C-alpha cells in the first residue's frame, strides 16, 4: 500500500502559516491563528461545479500526461508491512503508517506519476464527532474487553483520503430462458395404516421465452485502496457521488492521501463483473412465470466512462495482544464498521447464563 501527502501549501492570509481543511467549518483554517480561507472549486461555463467523466476505452489505450500528478508538491512513502502508499506534504515527516501503525516506511519513487483525481468528497464529519461515535460504538460491543471500552483507543484515529474509481455504462441486454409455471395434480397414495389418501403434487410447465433490457449504470464504485480492509470499507459505503466536488488541493491540505494501487484496467474489469451480475439479476426478474431455468444473457455496453475520485474516511488501527484491528468511519456520512477483540471471560459467563436459563425453563416445563 502506498501512502502520500499530496499538498499544495495554502498560506494563511493573516499569519502566513499553512492552512488546513477543517471538516466542521468546511473551510481552510489556520491552526495557529484560526483565520478562515474558503477553498475555491472549479466552475464550468454555466457557473456550476464541473465533475468530469472520461471515456473508458480511450483512457485504457492511453492516459495523457496532463491527467497525471497531484497538482502540488508531494512526498510518497510505502509501508513494508501492509504495502500501502501514502502521499503527504513535503514538510510532514511520516514516522508510522496511518493504516496499520507500522514504523517500517520507505521512500516510494513512482516510475510514472499517478492518474490525477479530478473530484472528491470533502470531509464532513469532524474529529470530535468521530471520537464520540467510536466511544459509543465500543460501548455497544457487549463482548469487548472492559479495558478496551474504557479507553476506546481514540487517540490513534486518523483522517485519510482513499482512492476510488467510478464507472458509468449504458447496457442493452437480450435474454432467452425457459419460464416455469407451477400447477398441481391430485395424487392417490396409501398411508402407513394402509388407508387410501390424496394429496396435491406441484408440477412445472416449461415454456420458452425471450426479452430485452436497457439499463444505465451510474457511478459504480470500485475501491482502489490497499490500506483499508475491503469488507469494512464495503460496510460503510455508499459514498454519495452526487455530492462530489471538483478536485482542489485545498481540500486535502493537511490530510494524508492514499495512492491507488488497483489500476484502471483492473478496476474496470471488476466493475464489468459486478455489472454483469446485476444485469443477469435484472433479466432474471423479467422472466415470467413462477421460476426459470437456462437463462442466457447477451449484453452490449456503450457510453462507458470513468472517474478517479477521493473519498474521506476516519481510520482507527490498533493492536490488542498479538492481533491487529481496524475501525472505519465514513468521513462524509458517519457510517461505522470495525472489528474488536472478544473477552472470553464474558463469552463464558454469557454461555453459562444461557444454559442456566434453559435449565430453569426445562424444569418449569417438566412440572405437572
Protein backbone atom coordinates (compact mmCIF):
# COMPACT_ATOMS: atom_id res chain seq x y z
CA UNK A 1 0.00 0.00 0.00
CA UNK A 2 1.33 3.44 -0.74
CA UNK A 3 0.64 6.49 1.23
CA UNK A 4 1.34 10.05 0.19
CA UNK A 5 0.52 13.51 1.37
CA UNK A 6 -0.41 15.46 -1.73
CA UNK A 7 -0.43 19.03 -0.71
CA UNK A 8 -0.07 22.43 -2.06
CA UNK A 9 0.72 24.88 0.70
CA UNK A 10 -2.20 27.25 1.32
CA UNK A 11 -0.82 30.18 3.24
CA UNK A 12 -2.96 31.86 5.88
CA UNK A 13 -3.68 35.46 4.73
CA UNK A 14 -3.20 36.68 8.31
CA UNK A 15 -0.03 34.99 9.61
CA UNK A 16 1.37 33.12 6.60
CA UNK A 17 1.26 29.64 8.21
CA UNK A 18 -0.05 26.64 6.25
CA UNK A 19 -3.86 26.42 6.43
CA UNK A 20 -5.59 23.02 6.67
CA UNK A 21 -9.03 21.77 5.61
CA UNK A 22 -11.44 21.74 8.57
CA UNK A 23 -14.45 19.34 8.23
CA UNK A 24 -16.50 21.07 10.92
CA UNK A 25 -16.23 24.51 9.28
CA UNK A 26 -15.95 23.24 5.68
CA UNK A 27 -13.13 25.69 5.02
CA UNK A 28 -9.36 26.11 5.16
CA UNK A 29 -8.45 27.08 8.73
CA UNK A 30 -5.12 28.26 10.04
CA UNK A 31 -4.19 26.01 13.01
CA UNK A 32 -2.18 28.84 14.57
CA UNK A 33 -4.39 31.94 14.38
CA UNK A 34 -7.74 30.44 13.34
CA UNK A 35 -8.20 32.54 10.18
CA UNK A 36 -10.72 31.08 7.70
CA UNK A 37 -10.00 30.81 3.95
CA UNK A 38 -12.74 29.09 1.87
CA UNK A 39 -11.42 26.60 -0.69
CA UNK A 40 -12.01 27.55 -4.31
CA UNK A 41 -13.52 25.00 -6.70
CA UNK A 42 -13.57 24.88 -10.47
CA UNK A 43 -16.79 26.08 -12.18
CA UNK A 44 -17.98 25.35 -15.70
CA UNK A 45 -19.30 27.88 -18.23
CA UNK A 46 -22.75 27.77 -16.59
CA UNK A 47 -21.27 28.71 -13.23
CA UNK A 48 -21.76 25.17 -11.84
CA UNK A 49 -19.20 22.84 -10.31
CA UNK A 50 -17.79 20.68 -13.10
CA UNK A 51 -17.33 16.96 -12.46
CA UNK A 52 -15.56 15.33 -15.39
CA UNK A 53 -16.24 11.89 -16.87
CA UNK A 54 -13.64 10.24 -19.11
CA UNK A 55 -14.09 7.81 -21.99
CA UNK A 56 -13.04 4.42 -20.64
CA UNK A 57 -11.88 2.81 -23.89
CA UNK A 58 -9.77 5.82 -24.90
CA UNK A 59 -8.24 6.10 -21.41
CA UNK A 60 -7.24 2.44 -21.28
CA UNK A 61 -5.40 2.92 -24.57
CA UNK A 62 -3.52 5.96 -23.33
CA UNK A 63 -3.79 8.24 -20.29
CA UNK A 64 -2.40 11.67 -21.20
CA UNK A 65 0.39 13.06 -19.05
CA UNK A 66 -1.62 16.19 -18.22
CA UNK A 67 -4.07 13.96 -16.31
CA UNK A 68 -1.33 12.67 -14.01
CA UNK A 69 0.12 14.01 -10.79
CA UNK A 70 -1.28 15.81 -7.74
CA UNK A 71 -1.14 19.45 -8.90
CA UNK A 72 1.10 20.03 -5.91
CA UNK A 73 4.47 19.08 -4.46
CA UNK A 74 4.31 15.79 -2.59
CA UNK A 75 6.17 13.07 -0.75
CA UNK A 76 5.34 9.37 -1.05
CA UNK A 77 6.19 6.53 1.32
CA UNK A 78 5.41 2.82 1.15
CA UNK A 79 4.65 0.69 4.19
CA UNK A 80 6.66 -2.53 4.18
CA UNK A 81 4.06 -4.20 6.39
CA UNK A 82 0.68 -3.54 4.68
CA UNK A 83 2.10 -2.21 1.37
CA UNK A 84 0.02 0.99 1.46
CA UNK A 85 1.42 4.02 -0.36
CA UNK A 86 0.75 7.32 1.38
CA UNK A 87 1.09 10.79 -0.11
CA UNK A 88 1.55 13.85 2.08
CA UNK A 89 3.05 17.36 2.32
CA UNK A 90 6.83 17.59 1.92
CA UNK A 91 7.01 19.33 5.32
CA UNK A 92 5.41 16.37 7.06
CA UNK A 93 7.54 13.51 8.41
CA UNK A 94 5.94 10.07 8.13
CA UNK A 95 7.00 8.03 11.17
CA UNK A 96 4.27 5.38 11.28
CA UNK A 97 1.84 4.00 8.71
CA UNK A 98 -1.62 5.51 9.17
CA UNK A 99 -3.22 2.26 8.03
CA UNK A 100 -1.52 -0.37 10.19
CA UNK A 101 0.73 1.58 12.59
CA UNK A 102 3.96 0.02 11.34
CA UNK A 103 7.16 2.07 11.52
CA UNK A 104 8.61 0.23 8.50
CA UNK A 105 8.21 3.05 5.95
CA UNK A 106 10.45 3.57 2.94
CA UNK A 107 10.52 6.31 0.35
CA UNK A 108 8.42 5.45 -2.70
CA UNK A 109 9.53 6.68 -6.10
CA UNK A 110 6.91 6.38 -8.84
CA UNK A 111 8.10 5.27 -12.28
CA UNK A 112 5.23 7.28 -13.73
CA UNK A 113 3.04 9.68 -11.81
CA UNK A 114 -0.40 8.51 -10.70
CA UNK A 115 -3.56 9.36 -12.61
CA UNK A 116 -4.86 12.57 -11.04
CA UNK A 117 -8.08 12.58 -9.01
CA UNK A 118 -10.42 15.17 -10.52
CA UNK A 119 -13.17 15.13 -7.90
CA UNK A 120 -13.60 14.27 -4.25
CA UNK A 121 -15.93 14.22 -1.28
CA UNK A 122 -14.52 16.62 1.33
CA UNK A 123 -14.51 15.59 4.98
CA UNK A 124 -17.85 16.42 6.58
CA UNK A 125 -17.60 14.51 9.90
CA UNK A 126 -15.29 16.24 12.34
CA UNK A 127 -12.69 14.52 14.51
CA UNK A 128 -14.68 15.36 17.65
CA UNK A 129 -17.76 13.63 16.24
CA UNK A 130 -15.70 10.62 15.20
CA UNK A 131 -14.16 10.14 18.63
CA UNK A 132 -17.59 10.25 20.27
CA UNK A 133 -19.03 7.83 17.69
CA UNK A 134 -16.19 5.37 18.33
CA UNK A 135 -16.76 5.52 22.09
CA UNK A 136 -20.47 4.81 21.62
CA UNK A 137 -19.71 2.02 19.14
CA UNK A 138 -17.30 0.32 21.52
CA UNK A 139 -19.75 0.82 24.38
CA UNK A 140 -22.36 -1.20 22.47
CA UNK A 141 -19.99 -4.15 21.88
CA UNK A 142 -21.09 -6.47 24.71
CA UNK A 143 -18.22 -8.91 24.42
CA UNK A 144 -15.41 -6.34 24.07
CA UNK A 145 -12.93 -6.28 26.97
CA UNK A 146 -13.92 -3.68 29.59
CA UNK A 147 -10.48 -2.09 29.37
CA UNK A 148 -10.95 -1.52 25.64
CA UNK A 149 -14.39 0.06 26.17
CA UNK A 150 -12.99 2.49 28.71
CA UNK A 151 -10.05 3.56 26.56
CA UNK A 152 -11.73 3.29 23.14
CA UNK A 153 -8.24 3.93 21.72
CA UNK A 154 -9.47 7.14 20.09
CA UNK A 155 -6.01 8.70 20.36
CA UNK A 156 -4.97 6.66 17.29
CA UNK A 157 -7.78 7.78 14.95
CA UNK A 158 -6.54 9.22 11.64
CA UNK A 159 -8.31 11.09 8.85
CA UNK A 160 -7.42 9.87 5.34
CA UNK A 161 -8.49 10.32 1.74
CA UNK A 162 -8.65 6.97 -0.04
CA UNK A 163 -8.90 6.31 -3.80
CA UNK A 164 -11.91 5.02 -5.71
CA UNK A 165 -12.79 4.55 -9.36
CA UNK A 166 -16.35 5.12 -10.57
CA UNK A 167 -17.75 3.65 -13.77
CA UNK A 168 -20.77 4.52 -15.94
CA UNK A 169 -22.16 2.37 -18.74
CA UNK A 170 -25.27 2.05 -20.86
CA UNK A 171 -26.20 -1.61 -21.24
CA UNK A 172 -28.55 -3.28 -23.71
CA UNK A 173 -29.14 -6.96 -22.98
CA UNK A 174 -31.10 -9.59 -24.89
CA UNK A 175 -32.08 -12.69 -22.95
CA UNK A 176 -33.69 -16.07 -23.50
CA UNK A 177 -34.89 -18.55 -20.90
CA UNK A 178 -37.36 -21.26 -20.04
CA UNK A 179 -40.12 -19.90 -17.82
CA UNK A 180 -41.67 -22.33 -15.39
CA UNK A 181 -45.33 -22.19 -14.37
CA UNK A 182 -46.49 -24.15 -11.34
CA UNK A 183 -49.59 -26.34 -11.49
CA UNK A 184 -50.89 -29.07 -9.21
CA UNK A 185 -52.16 -32.60 -9.76
CA UNK A 186 -54.04 -34.79 -7.33
CA UNK A 187 -52.14 -37.94 -6.40
CA UNK A 188 -53.57 -41.02 -4.66
CA UNK A 189 -51.41 -42.94 -2.18
CA UNK A 190 -51.70 -45.29 0.81
CA UNK A 191 -50.60 -44.09 4.25
CA UNK A 192 -48.78 -46.14 6.90
CA UNK A 193 -52.07 -47.70 8.02
CA UNK A 194 -52.93 -48.84 4.53
CA UNK A 195 -55.69 -46.29 4.03
CA UNK A 196 -56.12 -44.53 0.69
CA UNK A 197 -55.29 -40.82 0.80
CA UNK A 198 -54.94 -37.98 -1.73
CA UNK A 199 -52.52 -35.09 -1.90
CA UNK A 200 -51.64 -32.16 -4.18
CA UNK A 201 -48.34 -32.53 -6.03
CA UNK A 202 -46.62 -29.49 -7.55
CA UNK A 203 -45.58 -29.77 -11.19
CA UNK A 204 -43.83 -27.31 -13.53
CA UNK A 205 -44.83 -26.49 -17.10
CA UNK A 206 -41.85 -25.09 -19.03
CA UNK A 207 -42.24 -22.52 -21.79
CA UNK A 208 -39.53 -20.84 -23.90
CA UNK A 209 -39.45 -17.01 -23.67
CA UNK A 210 -37.21 -14.05 -24.51
CA UNK A 211 -36.89 -10.35 -23.84
CA UNK A 212 -34.57 -7.37 -23.67
CA UNK A 213 -33.33 -4.90 -21.07
CA UNK A 214 -31.90 -1.38 -21.20
CA UNK A 215 -30.14 -0.16 -18.07
CA UNK A 216 -27.75 2.68 -17.20
CA UNK A 217 -25.12 2.18 -14.52
CA UNK A 218 -24.24 5.47 -12.83
CA UNK A 219 -21.11 5.69 -10.69
CA UNK A 220 -20.50 2.01 -10.00
CA UNK A 221 -17.90 2.27 -7.21
CA UNK A 222 -14.67 0.25 -7.13
CA UNK A 223 -12.29 0.78 -4.22
CA UNK A 224 -8.62 1.24 -5.14
CA UNK A 225 -7.41 1.12 -1.52
CA UNK A 226 -4.95 -1.42 -0.17
CA UNK A 227 -4.75 0.08 3.31
CA UNK A 228 -8.38 -0.28 4.41
CA UNK A 229 -9.84 -3.77 4.81
CA UNK A 230 -12.26 -4.27 1.86
CA UNK A 231 -15.12 -5.82 3.85
CA UNK A 232 -15.09 -2.98 6.39
CA UNK A 233 -14.98 -0.41 3.62
CA UNK A 234 -17.95 -2.06 1.94
CA UNK A 235 -19.95 -1.80 5.16
CA UNK A 236 -19.51 2.00 5.39
CA UNK A 237 -20.48 2.56 1.75
CA UNK A 238 -22.07 4.17 -0.12
CA UNK A 239 -20.17 7.38 -0.63
CA UNK A 240 -22.71 9.80 -2.17
CA UNK A 241 -21.08 10.57 -5.51
CA UNK A 242 -23.78 13.11 -6.38
CA UNK A 243 -22.13 15.34 -3.75
CA UNK A 244 -18.69 15.20 -5.39
CA UNK A 245 -16.71 18.42 -5.63
CA UNK A 246 -14.10 19.15 -8.33
CA UNK A 247 -10.63 18.33 -7.02
CA UNK A 248 -8.80 21.19 -5.38
CA UNK A 249 -5.58 20.75 -3.45
CA UNK A 250 -7.08 22.89 -0.68
CA UNK A 251 -9.45 20.10 0.31
CA UNK A 252 -6.57 17.69 1.00
CA UNK A 253 -4.39 20.30 2.68
CA UNK A 254 -3.22 18.83 5.98
CA UNK A 255 -4.52 15.34 5.20
CA UNK A 256 -2.85 12.08 4.15
CA UNK A 257 -3.95 10.66 0.79
CA UNK A 258 -3.59 7.03 -0.23
CA UNK A 259 -2.33 6.46 -3.76
CA UNK A 260 -4.30 3.89 -5.74
CA UNK A 261 -2.65 0.51 -6.36
CA UNK A 262 -5.59 -1.06 -8.17
CA UNK A 263 -5.09 0.38 -11.64
CA UNK A 264 -7.74 1.48 -14.11
CA UNK A 265 -7.70 -1.75 -16.14
CA UNK A 266 -8.12 -3.99 -13.08
CA UNK A 267 -10.83 -1.75 -11.64
CA UNK A 268 -12.70 -1.65 -14.96
CA UNK A 269 -12.58 -5.44 -15.17
CA UNK A 270 -14.00 -5.74 -11.65
CA UNK A 271 -16.73 -3.17 -12.41
CA UNK A 272 -17.70 -5.11 -15.53
CA UNK A 273 -18.05 -8.32 -13.50
CA UNK A 274 -20.28 -6.56 -10.97
CA UNK A 275 -22.38 -5.00 -13.73
CA UNK A 276 -22.75 -8.36 -15.48
CA UNK A 277 -24.05 -9.89 -12.27
CA UNK A 278 -26.57 -7.09 -11.82
CA UNK A 279 -27.68 -7.29 -15.46
CA UNK A 280 -28.22 -11.04 -15.08
CA UNK A 281 -30.37 -10.46 -11.98
CA UNK A 282 -32.38 -7.73 -13.73
CA UNK A 283 -33.02 -10.02 -16.70
CA UNK A 284 -33.98 -12.86 -14.37
CA UNK A 285 -36.59 -10.60 -12.77
CA UNK A 286 -38.17 -10.08 -16.22
CA UNK A 287 -38.69 -13.79 -16.88
CA UNK A 288 -42.41 -14.53 -16.49
CA UNK A 289 -43.88 -17.40 -14.51
CA UNK A 290 -43.02 -18.80 -11.11
CA UNK A 291 -39.46 -19.98 -11.76
CA UNK A 292 -36.98 -20.23 -14.62
CA UNK A 293 -34.02 -22.17 -15.97
CA UNK A 294 -31.40 -21.93 -18.73
CA UNK A 295 -31.29 -18.12 -18.62
CA UNK A 296 -28.88 -16.83 -21.27
CA UNK A 297 -27.96 -13.12 -21.35
CA UNK A 298 -26.12 -11.33 -24.17
CA UNK A 299 -25.05 -7.81 -23.14
CA UNK A 300 -23.75 -4.88 -25.17
CA UNK A 301 -22.01 -1.97 -23.40
CA UNK A 302 -21.78 1.62 -24.64
CA UNK A 303 -21.16 5.13 -23.25
CA UNK A 304 -18.54 3.72 -20.90
CA UNK A 305 -16.93 6.43 -18.77
CA UNK A 306 -14.99 6.61 -15.52
CA UNK A 307 -13.71 8.98 -12.84
CA UNK A 308 -10.88 8.73 -10.35
CA UNK A 309 -12.09 10.20 -7.05
CA UNK A 310 -11.02 10.54 -3.43
CA UNK A 311 -13.35 9.83 -0.52
CA UNK A 312 -12.83 10.62 3.18
CA UNK A 313 -12.52 8.01 5.91
CA UNK A 314 -11.51 8.10 9.54
CA UNK A 315 -9.42 5.06 10.39
CA UNK A 316 -8.62 3.58 13.77
CA UNK A 317 -5.86 0.95 13.52
CA UNK A 318 -4.56 -0.65 16.71
CA UNK A 319 -3.05 -3.82 18.16
CA UNK A 320 -4.61 -5.71 21.06
CA UNK A 321 -2.41 -8.51 22.22
CA UNK A 322 -0.91 -10.13 19.14
CA UNK A 323 -3.78 -9.17 16.81
CA UNK A 324 -4.33 -6.08 14.65
CA UNK A 325 -7.76 -4.43 14.32
CA UNK A 326 -9.33 -1.67 12.23
CA UNK A 327 -12.39 0.52 12.71
CA UNK A 328 -13.50 2.53 9.66
CA UNK A 329 -15.77 5.58 9.69
CA UNK A 330 -17.21 7.16 6.54
CA UNK A 331 -15.89 10.74 6.70
CA UNK A 332 -18.97 12.08 4.89
CA UNK A 333 -21.92 10.10 6.28
CA UNK A 334 -20.55 8.89 9.63
CA UNK A 335 -21.30 5.19 8.97
CA UNK A 336 -19.03 2.99 11.11
CA UNK A 337 -17.79 -0.60 10.86
CA UNK A 338 -14.98 -2.42 12.56
CA UNK A 339 -13.56 -5.40 14.36
CA UNK A 340 -12.70 -5.67 18.02
CA UNK A 341 -11.19 -8.26 20.39
CA UNK A 342 -13.55 -10.54 22.34
CA UNK A 343 -13.38 -11.18 26.05
CA UNK A 344 -13.54 -14.96 26.50
CA UNK A 345 -14.43 -14.45 30.16
CA UNK A 346 -17.57 -12.51 29.15
CA UNK A 347 -18.41 -15.08 26.49
CA UNK A 348 -18.01 -17.93 29.01
CA UNK A 349 -20.35 -16.32 31.55
CA UNK A 350 -22.88 -15.42 28.82
CA UNK A 351 -22.97 -19.06 27.66
CA UNK A 352 -23.22 -20.23 31.27
CA UNK A 353 -26.10 -17.84 31.94
CA UNK A 354 -27.86 -19.08 28.80
CA UNK A 355 -27.50 -22.72 29.87
CA UNK A 356 -28.82 -21.92 33.35
CA UNK A 357 -31.81 -20.13 31.85
CA UNK A 358 -32.57 -23.12 29.61
CA UNK A 359 -32.30 -25.40 32.62
CA UNK A 360 -34.78 -23.31 34.60
CA UNK A 361 -37.22 -23.26 31.65
CA UNK A 362 -36.93 -27.05 31.26
CA UNK A 363 -37.51 -27.56 34.99
CA UNK A 364 -40.63 -25.41 34.98
CA UNK A 365 -41.94 -27.12 31.88
CA UNK A 366 -41.46 -30.58 33.46
CA UNK A 367 -43.61 -29.80 36.49
CA UNK A 368 -47.17 -31.20 36.38
